[in-house]
């Protein structure tokens, strides 16, 4: 992460965590004042997500010559570039929250996330020694069952407001994975992702106490550590050394 991005994230977290002192200047009647004293409480989340990839290419991948490919024809082919493209999806899940201490909770949020990602391959196709740059787009649809386990560190409550930061691990199972499918459709080469992944999560959020429930807004980033791409010895997989998952999520919690 660039230095400027680190500074921006630090400023945002600092502003969120200091909001409590501002709101504390105004005396209001607290909604559900004993809510956080319960050992357990439950709820659900609705979220929008952005799934994308972090691509690490193989050294000198542009120098590898390919004779042919089922979905692109030419005397010879050279991979020039690999560009991932994110798309929007959505997530639903349930919340189980365990009170560990006054300012620390342990949260388990099993969820179902739907999304789609694209990878654009720029390929030089040589036909009769004449090069042509063509773009081939591959889409990868994912339906992931997520099992995140987070520690949530909360600020002091200020009237009906509380800020927090969270971090933890997230185990993912992609139900749409085709890693066990050895066939390709209609001569087109499919990109195949492995089913299982492990991610690290980090996020910030705010809780608002209403007379009836606690409403939260949460921003979270997830970084996968597993190489998801199944290598099948073709122009689309040979050029990639690692393909790691990343996901940004804006969630609304109701507890």
C-alpha atoms as a PDB file:
ATOM      1  CA  UNK A   1       0.000   0.000   0.000  1.00  0.00           C
ATOM      2  CA  UNK A   2       1.356   3.440  -0.937  1.00  0.00           C
ATOM      3  CA  UNK A   3       2.266   5.917   1.796  1.00  0.00           C
ATOM      4  CA  UNK A   4      -0.540   8.288   0.764  1.00  0.00           C
ATOM      5  CA  UNK A   5      -3.136   5.523   1.100  1.00  0.00           C
ATOM      6  CA  UNK A   6      -1.827   4.634   4.576  1.00  0.00           C
ATOM      7  CA  UNK A   7      -2.128   8.283   5.643  1.00  0.00           C
ATOM      8  CA  UNK A   8      -5.707   8.530   4.310  1.00  0.00           C
ATOM      9  CA  UNK A   9      -6.782   5.332   6.101  1.00  0.00           C
ATOM     10  CA  UNK A  10      -5.152   6.538   9.347  1.00  0.00           C
ATOM     11  CA  UNK A  11      -6.967   9.884   9.132  1.00  0.00           C
ATOM     12  CA  UNK A  12     -10.337   8.191   8.494  1.00  0.00           C
ATOM     13  CA  UNK A  13      -9.888   5.830  11.457  1.00  0.00           C
ATOM     14  CA  UNK A  14      -8.799   8.709  13.668  1.00  0.00           C
ATOM     15  CA  UNK A  15     -11.816  10.806  12.723  1.00  0.00           C
ATOM     16  CA  UNK A  16     -14.201   7.940  13.395  1.00  0.00           C
ATOM     17  CA  UNK A  17     -12.715   7.107  16.773  1.00  0.00           C
ATOM     18  CA  UNK A  18     -12.735  10.753  17.884  1.00  0.00           C
ATOM     19  CA  UNK A  19     -16.358  11.357  16.940  1.00  0.00           C
ATOM     20  CA  UNK A  20     -17.410  10.073  20.351  1.00  0.00           C
ATOM     21  CA  UNK A  21     -15.945  13.096  22.129  1.00  0.00           C
ATOM     22  CA  UNK A  22     -17.890  15.423  19.814  1.00  0.00           C
ATOM     23  CA  UNK A  23     -21.229  13.668  20.267  1.00  0.00           C
ATOM     24  CA  UNK A  24     -20.662  13.438  24.018  1.00  0.00           C
ATOM     25  CA  UNK A  25     -21.046  17.215  24.279  1.00  0.00           C
ATOM     26  CA  UNK A  26     -24.750  16.844  23.637  1.00  0.00           C
ATOM     27  CA  UNK A  27     -26.872  15.210  26.311  1.00  0.00           C
ATOM     28  CA  UNK A  28     -29.439  12.840  24.907  1.00  0.00           C
ATOM     29  CA  UNK A  29     -31.549  10.039  26.239  1.00  0.00           C
ATOM     30  CA  UNK A  30     -29.750   6.773  25.571  1.00  0.00           C
ATOM     31  CA  UNK A  31     -31.613   4.159  23.591  1.00  0.00           C
ATOM     32  CA  UNK A  32     -31.229   0.577  24.860  1.00  0.00           C
ATOM     33  CA  UNK A  33     -28.709   1.576  27.558  1.00  0.00           C
ATOM     34  CA  UNK A  34     -28.099  -2.030  28.715  1.00  0.00           C
ATOM     35  CA  UNK A  35     -27.790  -3.507  25.256  1.00  0.00           C
ATOM     36  CA  UNK A  36     -24.005  -3.990  25.356  1.00  0.00           C
ATOM     37  CA  UNK A  37     -24.089  -5.714  28.740  1.00  0.00           C
ATOM     38  CA  UNK A  38     -25.600  -8.890  27.246  1.00  0.00           C
ATOM     39  CA  UNK A  39     -23.156 -11.760  26.747  1.00  0.00           C
ATOM     40  CA  UNK A  40     -24.631 -12.703  23.384  1.00  0.00           C
ATOM     41  CA  UNK A  41     -26.640 -10.879  20.780  1.00  0.00           C
ATOM     42  CA  UNK A  42     -27.563 -11.667  17.205  1.00  0.00           C
ATOM     43  CA  UNK A  43     -28.573  -9.947  14.002  1.00  0.00           C
ATOM     44  CA  UNK A  44     -28.067  -9.886  10.252  1.00  0.00           C
ATOM     45  CA  UNK A  45     -26.157  -7.945   7.598  1.00  0.00           C
ATOM     46  CA  UNK A  46     -26.978  -6.658   4.130  1.00  0.00           C
ATOM     47  CA  UNK A  47     -24.008  -5.512   2.085  1.00  0.00           C
ATOM     48  CA  UNK A  48     -22.730  -4.516  -1.299  1.00  0.00           C
ATOM     49  CA  UNK A  49     -19.338  -5.854  -2.302  1.00  0.00           C
ATOM     50  CA  UNK A  50     -16.697  -5.343  -4.951  1.00  0.00           C
ATOM     51  CA  UNK A  51     -14.736  -8.482  -5.838  1.00  0.00           C
ATOM     52  CA  UNK A  52     -11.445  -8.166  -7.674  1.00  0.00           C
ATOM     53  CA  UNK A  53      -8.045  -9.831  -8.073  1.00  0.00           C
ATOM     54  CA  UNK A  54      -4.457  -9.059  -7.242  1.00  0.00           C
ATOM     55  CA  UNK A  55      -2.441 -10.464 -10.166  1.00  0.00           C
ATOM     56  CA  UNK A  56       1.263 -11.300 -10.035  1.00  0.00           C
ATOM     57  CA  UNK A  57       2.619 -12.233 -13.456  1.00  0.00           C
ATOM     58  CA  UNK A  58       5.467 -14.631 -14.145  1.00  0.00           C
ATOM     59  CA  UNK A  59       8.861 -13.100 -15.002  1.00  0.00           C
ATOM     60  CA  UNK A  60       9.394 -12.649 -18.749  1.00  0.00           C
ATOM     61  CA  UNK A  61       5.862 -13.877 -19.497  1.00  0.00           C
ATOM     62  CA  UNK A  62       5.796 -11.658 -22.595  1.00  0.00           C
ATOM     63  CA  UNK A  63       8.594 -13.662 -24.244  1.00  0.00           C
ATOM     64  CA  UNK A  64       6.785 -17.017 -24.227  1.00  0.00           C
ATOM     65  CA  UNK A  65       5.601 -18.103 -27.662  1.00  0.00           C
ATOM     66  CA  UNK A  66       2.332 -20.014 -28.092  1.00  0.00           C
ATOM     67  CA  UNK A  67       1.553 -21.829 -31.302  1.00  0.00           C
ATOM     68  CA  UNK A  68      -2.219 -21.805 -31.006  1.00  0.00           C
ATOM     69  CA  UNK A  69      -5.174 -21.512 -28.669  1.00  0.00           C
ATOM     70  CA  UNK A  70      -8.713 -22.911 -29.073  1.00  0.00           C
ATOM     71  CA  UNK A  71     -10.357 -19.480 -28.955  1.00  0.00           C
ATOM     72  CA  UNK A  72      -7.795 -17.318 -30.784  1.00  0.00           C
ATOM     73  CA  UNK A  73      -6.147 -18.216 -34.094  1.00  0.00           C
ATOM     74  CA  UNK A  74      -2.778 -17.183 -35.473  1.00  0.00           C
ATOM     75  CA  UNK A  75       0.623 -18.446 -36.550  1.00  0.00           C
ATOM     76  CA  UNK A  76       1.984 -17.510 -33.128  1.00  0.00           C
ATOM     77  CA  UNK A  77       0.720 -15.782 -29.989  1.00  0.00           C
ATOM     78  CA  UNK A  78       2.412 -13.717 -27.283  1.00  0.00           C
ATOM     79  CA  UNK A  79       0.776 -12.594 -24.067  1.00  0.00           C
ATOM     80  CA  UNK A  80       1.300  -8.860 -23.633  1.00  0.00           C
ATOM     81  CA  UNK A  81      -0.702  -7.922 -20.513  1.00  0.00           C
ATOM     82  CA  UNK A  82      -3.129  -9.153 -17.857  1.00  0.00           C
ATOM     83  CA  UNK A  83      -5.655  -6.672 -16.417  1.00  0.00           C
ATOM     84  CA  UNK A  84      -8.195  -7.615 -13.699  1.00  0.00           C
ATOM     85  CA  UNK A  85     -11.507  -5.762 -13.572  1.00  0.00           C
ATOM     86  CA  UNK A  86     -13.825  -5.644 -10.538  1.00  0.00           C
ATOM     87  CA  UNK A  87     -17.610  -5.731 -10.539  1.00  0.00           C
ATOM     88  CA  UNK A  88     -20.290  -5.148  -7.940  1.00  0.00           C
ATOM     89  CA  UNK A  89     -22.087  -7.875  -6.012  1.00  0.00           C
ATOM     90  CA  UNK A  90     -23.989  -8.289  -2.777  1.00  0.00           C
ATOM     91  CA  UNK A  91     -23.676 -10.145   0.513  1.00  0.00           C
ATOM     92  CA  UNK A  92     -26.181 -11.375   3.086  1.00  0.00           C
ATOM     93  CA  UNK A  93     -25.403 -12.975   6.418  1.00  0.00           C
ATOM     94  CA  UNK A  94     -26.159 -13.433  10.087  1.00  0.00           C
ATOM     95  CA  UNK A  95     -24.309 -11.992  13.083  1.00  0.00           C
ATOM     96  CA  UNK A  96     -23.391 -13.764  16.311  1.00  0.00           C
ATOM     97  CA  UNK A  97     -21.666 -11.426  18.773  1.00  0.00           C
ATOM     98  CA  UNK A  98     -19.926 -12.491  22.008  1.00  0.00           C
ATOM     99  CA  UNK A  99     -19.069  -9.821  24.579  1.00  0.00           C
ATOM    100  CA  UNK A 100     -15.452 -10.413  25.663  1.00  0.00           C
ATOM    101  CA  UNK A 101     -14.921  -7.241  27.673  1.00  0.00           C
ATOM    102  CA  UNK A 102     -16.243  -3.705  27.906  1.00  0.00           C
ATOM    103  CA  UNK A 103     -14.581  -2.656  24.671  1.00  0.00           C
ATOM    104  CA  UNK A 104     -13.912  -5.962  22.884  1.00  0.00           C
ATOM    105  CA  UNK A 105     -16.339  -8.311  21.121  1.00  0.00           C
ATOM    106  CA  UNK A 106     -15.788 -11.548  19.216  1.00  0.00           C
ATOM    107  CA  UNK A 107     -17.982 -11.783  16.127  1.00  0.00           C
ATOM    108  CA  UNK A 108     -18.865 -14.676  13.840  1.00  0.00           C
ATOM    109  CA  UNK A 109     -20.662 -13.582  10.674  1.00  0.00           C
ATOM    110  CA  UNK A 110     -21.397 -16.500   8.306  1.00  0.00           C
ATOM    111  CA  UNK A 111     -22.406 -14.968   4.973  1.00  0.00           C
ATOM    112  CA  UNK A 112     -23.218 -15.684   1.366  1.00  0.00           C
ATOM    113  CA  UNK A 113     -21.499 -13.398  -1.157  1.00  0.00           C
ATOM    114  CA  UNK A 114     -22.360 -13.153  -4.850  1.00  0.00           C
ATOM    115  CA  UNK A 115     -20.072 -11.502  -7.365  1.00  0.00           C
ATOM    116  CA  UNK A 116     -18.289 -11.622 -10.686  1.00  0.00           C
ATOM    117  CA  UNK A 117     -14.779 -10.668 -11.787  1.00  0.00           C
ATOM    118  CA  UNK A 118     -13.153 -10.202 -15.173  1.00  0.00           C
ATOM    119  CA  UNK A 119      -9.628 -10.603 -16.466  1.00  0.00           C
ATOM    120  CA  UNK A 120      -8.685  -8.998 -19.780  1.00  0.00           C
ATOM    121  CA  UNK A 121      -5.775 -10.584 -21.661  1.00  0.00           C
ATOM    122  CA  UNK A 122      -3.964  -8.460 -24.222  1.00  0.00           C
ATOM    123  CA  UNK A 123      -2.431 -10.821 -26.783  1.00  0.00           C
ATOM    124  CA  UNK A 124      -0.249 -10.201 -29.812  1.00  0.00           C
ATOM    125  CA  UNK A 125      -1.445 -12.444 -32.624  1.00  0.00           C
ATOM    126  CA  UNK A 126       0.942 -12.938 -35.533  1.00  0.00           C
ATOM    127  CA  UNK A 127      -0.616 -13.932 -38.854  1.00  0.00           C
ATOM    128  CA  UNK A 128       1.724 -14.001 -41.871  1.00  0.00           C
ATOM    129  CA  UNK A 129       4.262 -12.132 -39.702  1.00  0.00           C
ATOM    130  CA  UNK A 130       1.784  -9.280 -39.177  1.00  0.00           C
ATOM    131  CA  UNK A 131       1.103  -8.547 -35.463  1.00  0.00           C
ATOM    132  CA  UNK A 132      -2.354  -7.636 -34.215  1.00  0.00           C
ATOM    133  CA  UNK A 133      -3.123  -6.777 -30.590  1.00  0.00           C
ATOM    134  CA  UNK A 134      -6.382  -8.368 -29.467  1.00  0.00           C
ATOM    135  CA  UNK A 135      -8.141  -8.332 -26.097  1.00  0.00           C
ATOM    136  CA  UNK A 136      -9.767 -11.461 -24.721  1.00  0.00           C
ATOM    137  CA  UNK A 137     -12.024 -11.040 -21.681  1.00  0.00           C
ATOM    138  CA  UNK A 138     -12.615 -13.923 -19.287  1.00  0.00           C
ATOM    139  CA  UNK A 139     -15.315 -13.719 -16.627  1.00  0.00           C
ATOM    140  CA  UNK A 140     -15.291 -15.615 -13.354  1.00  0.00           C
ATOM    141  CA  UNK A 141     -18.505 -15.867 -11.371  1.00  0.00           C
ATOM    142  CA  UNK A 142     -18.293 -16.616  -7.663  1.00  0.00           C
ATOM    143  CA  UNK A 143     -20.832 -17.639  -5.051  1.00  0.00           C
ATOM    144  CA  UNK A 144     -18.867 -17.704  -1.823  1.00  0.00           C
ATOM    145  CA  UNK A 145     -19.847 -19.023   1.585  1.00  0.00           C
ATOM    146  CA  UNK A 146     -17.850 -16.915   4.037  1.00  0.00           C
ATOM    147  CA  UNK A 147     -16.970 -17.756   7.632  1.00  0.00           C
ATOM    148  CA  UNK A 148     -15.351 -14.611   9.093  1.00  0.00           C
ATOM    149  CA  UNK A 149     -14.215 -14.532  12.718  1.00  0.00           C
ATOM    150  CA  UNK A 150     -13.409 -11.013  13.907  1.00  0.00           C
ATOM    151  CA  UNK A 151     -12.305  -9.173  17.004  1.00  0.00           C
ATOM    152  CA  UNK A 152     -14.161  -5.890  17.302  1.00  0.00           C
ATOM    153  CA  UNK A 153     -12.582  -3.097  19.356  1.00  0.00           C
ATOM    154  CA  UNK A 154     -15.118  -0.435  20.324  1.00  0.00           C
ATOM    155  CA  UNK A 155     -14.784   3.146  21.467  1.00  0.00           C
ATOM    156  CA  UNK A 156     -16.633   4.419  24.514  1.00  0.00           C
ATOM    157  CA  UNK A 157     -20.318   4.937  23.839  1.00  0.00           C
ATOM    158  CA  UNK A 158     -21.312   8.556  23.300  1.00  0.00           C
ATOM    159  CA  UNK A 159     -25.069   8.833  23.777  1.00  0.00           C
ATOM    160  CA  UNK A 160     -26.426   6.691  20.905  1.00  0.00           C
ATOM    161  CA  UNK A 161     -23.192   6.408  18.928  1.00  0.00           C
ATOM    162  CA  UNK A 162     -20.144   4.165  19.082  1.00  0.00           C
ATOM    163  CA  UNK A 163     -17.231   3.677  16.629  1.00  0.00           C
ATOM    164  CA  UNK A 164     -15.117   0.571  16.191  1.00  0.00           C
ATOM    165  CA  UNK A 165     -12.327  -1.132  14.295  1.00  0.00           C
ATOM    166  CA  UNK A 166     -12.196  -4.849  13.538  1.00  0.00           C
ATOM    167  CA  UNK A 167      -9.819  -7.458  12.238  1.00  0.00           C
ATOM    168  CA  UNK A 168      -9.647 -11.208  11.824  1.00  0.00           C
ATOM    169  CA  UNK A 169      -9.599 -14.146   9.444  1.00  0.00           C
ATOM    170  CA  UNK A 170     -12.140 -15.294   6.886  1.00  0.00           C
ATOM    171  CA  UNK A 171     -12.489 -18.772   5.406  1.00  0.00           C
ATOM    172  CA  UNK A 172     -14.177 -18.851   1.996  1.00  0.00           C
ATOM    173  CA  UNK A 173     -15.736 -21.672  -0.048  1.00  0.00           C
ATOM    174  CA  UNK A 174     -16.591 -20.815  -3.666  1.00  0.00           C
ATOM    175  CA  UNK A 175     -19.637 -22.877  -4.616  1.00  0.00           C
ATOM    176  CA  UNK A 176     -19.252 -21.822  -8.266  1.00  0.00           C
ATOM    177  CA  UNK A 177     -15.701 -23.168  -8.536  1.00  0.00           C
ATOM    178  CA  UNK A 178     -15.004 -25.245 -11.643  1.00  0.00           C
ATOM    179  CA  UNK A 179     -11.581 -26.494 -10.555  1.00  0.00           C
ATOM    180  CA  UNK A 180     -12.788 -30.114 -10.752  1.00  0.00           C
ATOM    181  CA  UNK A 181     -14.255 -29.628 -14.228  1.00  0.00           C
ATOM    182  CA  UNK A 182     -11.827 -30.850 -16.889  1.00  0.00           C
ATOM    183  CA  UNK A 183     -13.954 -29.741 -19.827  1.00  0.00           C
ATOM    184  CA  UNK A 184     -14.145 -26.436 -21.688  1.00  0.00           C
ATOM    185  CA  UNK A 185     -17.296 -25.072 -23.286  1.00  0.00           C
ATOM    186  CA  UNK A 186     -17.591 -24.842 -27.066  1.00  0.00           C
ATOM    187  CA  UNK A 187     -13.833 -24.717 -27.621  1.00  0.00           C
ATOM    188  CA  UNK A 188     -13.462 -21.713 -25.297  1.00  0.00           C
ATOM    189  CA  UNK A 189     -10.878 -22.023 -22.545  1.00  0.00           C
ATOM    190  CA  UNK A 190     -12.416 -21.426 -19.121  1.00  0.00           C
ATOM    191  CA  UNK A 191     -10.492 -19.921 -16.246  1.00  0.00           C
ATOM    192  CA  UNK A 192     -10.941 -22.087 -13.182  1.00  0.00           C
ATOM    193  CA  UNK A 193     -10.606 -21.014  -9.566  1.00  0.00           C
ATOM    194  CA  UNK A 194      -9.889 -23.294  -6.652  1.00  0.00           C
ATOM    195  CA  UNK A 195     -12.746 -23.702  -4.210  1.00  0.00           C
ATOM    196  CA  UNK A 196     -11.114 -22.772  -0.880  1.00  0.00           C
ATOM    197  CA  UNK A 197      -9.465 -19.565   0.223  1.00  0.00           C
ATOM    198  CA  UNK A 198      -8.282 -17.917   3.442  1.00  0.00           C
ATOM    199  CA  UNK A 199      -8.474 -14.148   3.806  1.00  0.00           C
ATOM    200  CA  UNK A 200      -7.400 -11.516   6.287  1.00  0.00           C
ATOM    201  CA  UNK A 201     -10.036  -8.888   7.100  1.00  0.00           C
ATOM    202  CA  UNK A 202      -9.667  -5.352   8.402  1.00  0.00           C
ATOM    203  CA  UNK A 203     -12.380  -2.739   8.747  1.00  0.00           C
ATOM    204  CA  UNK A 204     -13.938   0.230  10.517  1.00  0.00           C
ATOM    205  CA  UNK A 205     -17.515   1.022  11.406  1.00  0.00           C
ATOM    206  CA  UNK A 206     -20.034   2.912  13.489  1.00  0.00           C
ATOM    207  CA  UNK A 207     -22.966   1.720  15.568  1.00  0.00           C
ATOM    208  CA  UNK A 208     -26.119   3.752  16.127  1.00  0.00           C
ATOM    209  CA  UNK A 209     -28.560   2.815  18.899  1.00  0.00           C
ATOM    210  CA  UNK A 210     -32.206   3.250  18.012  1.00  0.00           C
ATOM    211  CA  UNK A 211     -35.162   2.625  20.342  1.00  0.00           C
ATOM    212  CA  UNK A 212     -35.709  -0.770  18.697  1.00  0.00           C
ATOM    213  CA  UNK A 213     -32.336  -2.132  17.512  1.00  0.00           C
ATOM    214  CA  UNK A 214     -28.698  -1.281  16.905  1.00  0.00           C
ATOM    215  CA  UNK A 215     -27.887  -0.163  13.358  1.00  0.00           C
ATOM    216  CA  UNK A 216     -24.328  -0.271  12.026  1.00  0.00           C
ATOM    217  CA  UNK A 217     -22.412   0.901   8.974  1.00  0.00           C
ATOM    218  CA  UNK A 218     -19.190  -0.952   8.237  1.00  0.00           C
ATOM    219  CA  UNK A 219     -16.380  -0.741   5.670  1.00  0.00           C
ATOM    220  CA  UNK A 220     -14.193  -3.816   5.309  1.00  0.00           C
ATOM    221  CA  UNK A 221     -11.327  -5.013   3.109  1.00  0.00           C
ATOM    222  CA  UNK A 222     -10.485  -8.698   2.655  1.00  0.00           C
ATOM    223  CA  UNK A 223      -7.143  -9.938   1.330  1.00  0.00           C
ATOM    224  CA  UNK A 224      -6.793 -13.542   0.157  1.00  0.00           C
ATOM    225  CA  UNK A 225      -3.531 -15.426   0.702  1.00  0.00           C
ATOM    226  CA  UNK A 226      -4.121 -18.481  -1.533  1.00  0.00           C
ATOM    227  CA  UNK A 227      -3.297 -18.680  -5.231  1.00  0.00           C
ATOM    228  CA  UNK A 228      -6.767 -19.303  -6.676  1.00  0.00           C
ATOM    229  CA  UNK A 229      -5.960 -19.907 -10.341  1.00  0.00           C
ATOM    230  CA  UNK A 230      -5.776 -23.511 -11.529  1.00  0.00           C
ATOM    231  CA  UNK A 231      -2.859 -23.768 -13.965  1.00  0.00           C
ATOM    232  CA  UNK A 232      -3.705 -25.716 -17.106  1.00  0.00           C
ATOM    233  CA  UNK A 233      -0.694 -24.963 -19.287  1.00  0.00           C
ATOM    234  CA  UNK A 234      -2.287 -22.467 -21.676  1.00  0.00           C
ATOM    235  CA  UNK A 235      -1.722 -18.834 -22.576  1.00  0.00           C
ATOM    236  CA  UNK A 236      -4.218 -17.660 -19.946  1.00  0.00           C
ATOM    237  CA  UNK A 237      -2.672 -19.434 -16.959  1.00  0.00           C
ATOM    238  CA  UNK A 238       1.045 -19.697 -17.811  1.00  0.00           C
ATOM    239  CA  UNK A 239       1.563 -15.964 -17.586  1.00  0.00           C
ATOM    240  CA  UNK A 240       0.191 -15.699 -14.025  1.00  0.00           C
ATOM    241  CA  UNK A 241       2.295 -16.667 -11.033  1.00  0.00           C
ATOM    242  CA  UNK A 242      -0.299 -15.818  -8.351  1.00  0.00           C
ATOM    243  CA  UNK A 243      -3.947 -14.798  -8.526  1.00  0.00           C
ATOM    244  CA  UNK A 244      -5.168 -13.615  -5.124  1.00  0.00           C
ATOM    245  CA  UNK A 245      -8.668 -12.549  -4.180  1.00  0.00           C
ATOM    246  CA  UNK A 246      -9.523  -9.141  -2.772  1.00  0.00           C
ATOM    247  CA  UNK A 247     -12.911  -7.829  -1.724  1.00  0.00           C
ATOM    248  CA  UNK A 248     -14.246  -4.494  -0.521  1.00  0.00           C
ATOM    249  CA  UNK A 249     -17.529  -4.543   1.371  1.00  0.00           C
ATOM    250  CA  UNK A 250     -19.928  -1.860   2.566  1.00  0.00           C
ATOM    251  CA  UNK A 251     -22.252  -3.514   5.075  1.00  0.00           C
ATOM    252  CA  UNK A 252     -25.311  -2.463   7.037  1.00  0.00           C
ATOM    253  CA  UNK A 253     -25.903  -4.412  10.241  1.00  0.00           C
ATOM    254  CA  UNK A 254     -29.124  -4.825  12.195  1.00  0.00           C
ATOM    255  CA  UNK A 255     -28.727  -6.273  15.696  1.00  0.00           C
END
